[in-house]
């Protein structure tokens, strides 16, 4: 990753850390993201929680309406990543 991209990501993360309430998050993310982008992120979080509970791919896809490819990526992150385990 180039330095500019890394700096942009850090700036985004620093901005997110300034949010203190659900209302702050709603205002900020409504400006930052489309409805579809927010829905996609919410679906990934729900899928991760369901995976950690041991639910099947079929049930998760039905409940979240995410693609099997996205679910596979979420599953990989649940198994080998740190974020979902630490924050969900």
N, C-alpha and C. Protein backbone atom coordinates (compact mmCIF):
# COMPACT_ATOMS: atom_id res chain seq x y z
N UNK A 1 0.84 -1.18 0.00
CA UNK A 1 0.00 0.00 0.00
C UNK A 1 0.88 1.23 0.00
N UNK A 2 0.48 2.22 -0.77
CA UNK A 2 1.28 3.44 -0.83
C UNK A 2 1.08 4.27 0.43
N UNK A 3 2.02 5.17 0.69
CA UNK A 3 1.96 6.03 1.85
C UNK A 3 0.72 6.90 1.88
N UNK A 4 0.29 7.38 0.70
CA UNK A 4 -0.91 8.22 0.63
C UNK A 4 -2.15 7.46 1.09
N UNK A 5 -2.26 6.21 0.65
CA UNK A 5 -3.42 5.39 1.03
C UNK A 5 -3.39 5.13 2.53
N UNK A 6 -2.23 4.78 3.05
CA UNK A 6 -2.11 4.52 4.48
C UNK A 6 -2.47 5.77 5.28
N UNK A 7 -1.99 6.93 4.84
CA UNK A 7 -2.32 8.18 5.53
C UNK A 7 -3.81 8.48 5.45
N UNK A 8 -4.43 8.22 4.30
CA UNK A 8 -5.87 8.42 4.16
C UNK A 8 -6.64 7.52 5.12
N UNK A 9 -6.21 6.28 5.24
CA UNK A 9 -6.88 5.34 6.15
C UNK A 9 -6.73 5.83 7.59
N UNK A 10 -5.52 6.28 7.95
CA UNK A 10 -5.30 6.77 9.31
C UNK A 10 -6.18 7.98 9.59
N UNK A 11 -6.31 8.86 8.61
CA UNK A 11 -7.17 10.03 8.79
C UNK A 11 -8.62 9.62 9.00
N UNK A 12 -9.07 8.63 8.24
CA UNK A 12 -10.43 8.11 8.42
C UNK A 12 -10.59 7.53 9.82
N UNK A 13 -9.66 6.69 10.25
CA UNK A 13 -9.76 6.06 11.56
C UNK A 13 -9.71 7.09 12.68
N UNK A 14 -8.86 8.09 12.53
CA UNK A 14 -8.79 9.16 13.54
C UNK A 14 -10.12 9.90 13.64
N UNK A 15 -10.75 10.12 12.50
CA UNK A 15 -12.05 10.80 12.48
C UNK A 15 -13.11 9.94 13.16
N UNK A 16 -13.13 8.65 12.85
CA UNK A 16 -14.11 7.74 13.46
C UNK A 16 -13.93 7.70 14.97
N UNK A 17 -12.70 7.76 15.45
CA UNK A 17 -12.45 7.73 16.89
C UNK A 17 -13.02 8.95 17.61
N UNK A 18 -13.31 10.00 16.89
CA UNK A 18 -13.90 11.21 17.49
C UNK A 18 -15.39 11.05 17.77
N UNK A 19 -16.03 10.04 17.16
CA UNK A 19 -17.47 9.83 17.35
C UNK A 19 -17.73 9.29 18.75
N UNK A 20 -18.71 9.87 19.43
CA UNK A 20 -18.94 9.50 20.83
C UNK A 20 -20.30 8.85 21.07
N UNK A 21 -21.26 9.09 20.20
CA UNK A 21 -22.61 8.57 20.42
C UNK A 21 -23.13 7.89 19.16
N UNK A 22 -24.21 7.14 19.34
CA UNK A 22 -24.88 6.53 18.18
C UNK A 22 -25.33 7.64 17.23
N UNK A 23 -25.84 8.73 17.78
CA UNK A 23 -26.27 9.85 16.93
C UNK A 23 -25.10 10.42 16.13
N UNK A 24 -23.93 10.56 16.76
CA UNK A 24 -22.73 11.01 16.04
C UNK A 24 -22.44 10.07 14.87
N UNK A 25 -22.52 8.78 15.14
CA UNK A 25 -22.25 7.78 14.10
C UNK A 25 -23.26 7.88 12.96
N UNK A 26 -24.54 8.01 13.31
CA UNK A 26 -25.58 8.13 12.28
C UNK A 26 -25.33 9.34 11.39
N UNK A 27 -25.03 10.48 12.00
CA UNK A 27 -24.80 11.70 11.23
C UNK A 27 -23.58 11.55 10.34
N UNK A 28 -22.49 11.07 10.91
CA UNK A 28 -21.25 10.94 10.16
C UNK A 28 -21.36 9.93 9.03
N UNK A 29 -21.84 8.71 9.36
CA UNK A 29 -21.89 7.67 8.34
C UNK A 29 -22.96 7.93 7.29
N UNK A 30 -24.01 8.66 7.63
CA UNK A 30 -24.99 9.07 6.61
C UNK A 30 -24.34 9.98 5.57
N UNK A 31 -23.43 10.82 6.03
CA UNK A 31 -22.71 11.70 5.09
C UNK A 31 -21.64 10.93 4.32
N UNK A 32 -20.97 10.01 4.99
CA UNK A 32 -19.82 9.32 4.40
C UNK A 32 -20.20 8.21 3.43
N UNK A 33 -21.24 7.46 3.76
CA UNK A 33 -21.56 6.23 3.02
C UNK A 33 -22.95 6.29 2.40
N UNK A 34 -23.12 5.49 1.36
CA UNK A 34 -24.45 5.30 0.81
C UNK A 34 -25.21 4.33 1.72
N UNK A 35 -26.52 4.29 1.56
CA UNK A 35 -27.33 3.33 2.32
C UNK A 35 -26.84 1.91 2.07
N UNK A 36 -26.53 1.61 0.82
CA UNK A 36 -26.10 0.26 0.44
C UNK A 36 -24.77 -0.09 1.12
N UNK A 37 -23.85 0.86 1.19
CA UNK A 37 -22.57 0.61 1.85
C UNK A 37 -22.76 0.32 3.34
N UNK A 38 -23.61 1.11 3.99
CA UNK A 38 -23.90 0.87 5.41
C UNK A 38 -24.57 -0.48 5.61
N UNK A 39 -25.52 -0.80 4.74
CA UNK A 39 -26.22 -2.07 4.82
C UNK A 39 -25.25 -3.23 4.64
N UNK A 40 -24.31 -3.07 3.73
CA UNK A 40 -23.31 -4.10 3.48
C UNK A 40 -22.43 -4.33 4.71
N UNK A 41 -21.97 -3.24 5.33
CA UNK A 41 -21.14 -3.38 6.53
C UNK A 41 -21.93 -4.01 7.67
N UNK A 42 -23.17 -3.59 7.83
CA UNK A 42 -24.02 -4.16 8.89
C UNK A 42 -24.24 -5.66 8.65
N UNK A 43 -24.42 -6.04 7.39
CA UNK A 43 -24.60 -7.46 7.06
C UNK A 43 -23.36 -8.29 7.39
N UNK A 44 -22.19 -7.72 7.17
CA UNK A 44 -20.96 -8.43 7.49
C UNK A 44 -20.81 -8.63 9.00
N UNK A 45 -21.17 -7.62 9.77
CA UNK A 45 -21.10 -7.75 11.22
C UNK A 45 -22.07 -8.82 11.71
N UNK A 46 -23.30 -8.78 11.18
CA UNK A 46 -24.28 -9.79 11.58
C UNK A 46 -23.81 -11.18 11.19
N UNK A 47 -23.24 -11.31 10.00
CA UNK A 47 -22.74 -12.60 9.54
C UNK A 47 -21.62 -13.10 10.45
N UNK A 48 -20.72 -12.22 10.85
CA UNK A 48 -19.62 -12.61 11.72
C UNK A 48 -20.16 -13.12 13.06
N UNK A 49 -21.14 -12.42 13.60
CA UNK A 49 -21.74 -12.86 14.87
C UNK A 49 -22.38 -14.23 14.73
N UNK A 50 -23.08 -14.45 13.62
CA UNK A 50 -23.73 -15.74 13.39
C UNK A 50 -22.70 -16.85 13.20
N UNK A 51 -21.62 -16.55 12.48
CA UNK A 51 -20.55 -17.54 12.31
C UNK A 51 -19.95 -17.92 13.66
N UNK A 52 -19.74 -16.93 14.51
CA UNK A 52 -19.15 -17.20 15.82
C UNK A 52 -20.08 -18.01 16.71
N UNK A 53 -21.39 -17.98 16.39
CA UNK A 53 -22.36 -18.80 17.11
C UNK A 53 -22.47 -20.20 16.52
N UNK A 54 -21.79 -20.42 15.37
CA UNK A 54 -21.80 -21.74 14.75
C UNK A 54 -22.91 -21.96 13.74
N UNK A 55 -23.55 -20.90 13.30
CA UNK A 55 -24.64 -21.04 12.32
C UNK A 55 -24.10 -21.48 10.96
N UNK A 56 -24.95 -22.07 10.15
CA UNK A 56 -24.57 -22.57 8.83
C UNK A 56 -24.53 -21.44 7.81
N UNK A 57 -23.76 -21.67 6.74
CA UNK A 57 -23.71 -20.70 5.65
C UNK A 57 -25.10 -20.41 5.11
N UNK A 58 -25.89 -21.48 4.90
CA UNK A 58 -27.24 -21.29 4.33
C UNK A 58 -28.09 -20.38 5.19
N UNK A 59 -28.09 -20.60 6.49
CA UNK A 59 -28.88 -19.78 7.40
C UNK A 59 -28.39 -18.34 7.39
N UNK A 60 -27.06 -18.15 7.40
CA UNK A 60 -26.49 -16.80 7.43
C UNK A 60 -26.82 -16.04 6.16
N UNK A 61 -26.69 -16.70 5.03
CA UNK A 61 -27.01 -16.05 3.75
C UNK A 61 -28.49 -15.66 3.71
N UNK A 62 -29.35 -16.53 4.20
CA UNK A 62 -30.78 -16.24 4.23
C UNK A 62 -31.08 -15.04 5.14
N UNK A 63 -30.45 -14.98 6.31
CA UNK A 63 -30.71 -13.90 7.26
C UNK A 63 -30.08 -12.57 6.87
N UNK A 64 -28.91 -12.62 6.25
CA UNK A 64 -28.18 -11.38 5.96
C UNK A 64 -28.29 -10.93 4.51
N UNK A 65 -28.63 -11.85 3.63
CA UNK A 65 -28.72 -11.59 2.19
C UNK A 65 -27.37 -11.16 1.59
N UNK A 66 -26.26 -11.58 2.24
CA UNK A 66 -24.95 -11.33 1.64
C UNK A 66 -24.60 -12.48 0.71
N UNK A 67 -23.67 -12.25 -0.19
CA UNK A 67 -23.28 -13.29 -1.14
C UNK A 67 -22.41 -14.34 -0.45
N UNK A 68 -22.33 -15.50 -1.06
CA UNK A 68 -21.48 -16.55 -0.50
C UNK A 68 -20.01 -16.12 -0.54
N UNK A 69 -19.61 -15.35 -1.54
CA UNK A 69 -18.23 -14.86 -1.61
C UNK A 69 -17.93 -13.92 -0.44
N UNK A 70 -18.86 -13.03 -0.14
CA UNK A 70 -18.68 -12.11 0.98
C UNK A 70 -18.66 -12.90 2.29
N UNK A 71 -19.54 -13.85 2.43
CA UNK A 71 -19.58 -14.67 3.63
C UNK A 71 -18.27 -15.45 3.80
N UNK A 72 -17.72 -15.92 2.71
CA UNK A 72 -16.45 -16.64 2.77
C UNK A 72 -15.34 -15.72 3.28
N UNK A 73 -15.34 -14.47 2.82
CA UNK A 73 -14.33 -13.52 3.29
C UNK A 73 -14.54 -13.20 4.77
N UNK A 74 -15.78 -13.00 5.18
CA UNK A 74 -16.07 -12.76 6.60
C UNK A 74 -15.61 -13.95 7.43
N UNK A 75 -15.89 -15.15 6.96
CA UNK A 75 -15.49 -16.36 7.68
C UNK A 75 -13.98 -16.42 7.84
N UNK A 76 -13.25 -16.08 6.78
CA UNK A 76 -11.79 -16.07 6.84
C UNK A 76 -11.31 -15.08 7.90
N UNK A 77 -11.94 -13.91 7.95
CA UNK A 77 -11.57 -12.90 8.94
C UNK A 77 -11.93 -13.35 10.36
N UNK A 78 -13.06 -14.01 10.50
CA UNK A 78 -13.45 -14.53 11.83
C UNK A 78 -12.42 -15.56 12.31
N UNK A 79 -11.99 -16.42 11.39
CA UNK A 79 -11.05 -17.48 11.77
C UNK A 79 -9.63 -16.98 12.00
N UNK A 80 -9.16 -16.09 11.12
CA UNK A 80 -7.75 -15.74 11.12
C UNK A 80 -7.46 -14.28 11.48
N UNK A 81 -8.48 -13.44 11.48
CA UNK A 81 -8.28 -12.04 11.78
C UNK A 81 -8.40 -11.76 13.27
N UNK A 82 -8.28 -10.49 13.61
CA UNK A 82 -8.35 -10.10 15.02
C UNK A 82 -9.56 -9.21 15.33
N UNK A 83 -10.03 -8.46 14.36
CA UNK A 83 -11.04 -7.45 14.61
C UNK A 83 -12.36 -7.98 15.10
N UNK A 84 -12.94 -8.93 14.43
CA UNK A 84 -14.23 -9.46 14.85
C UNK A 84 -14.12 -10.06 16.24
N UNK A 85 -13.07 -10.84 16.49
CA UNK A 85 -12.90 -11.48 17.80
C UNK A 85 -12.77 -10.47 18.92
N UNK A 86 -12.10 -9.36 18.62
CA UNK A 86 -11.84 -8.37 19.66
C UNK A 86 -13.06 -7.48 19.94
N UNK A 87 -13.86 -7.19 18.91
CA UNK A 87 -14.89 -6.19 19.07
C UNK A 87 -16.34 -6.69 19.02
N UNK A 88 -16.54 -7.94 18.66
CA UNK A 88 -17.93 -8.44 18.62
C UNK A 88 -18.20 -9.38 19.78
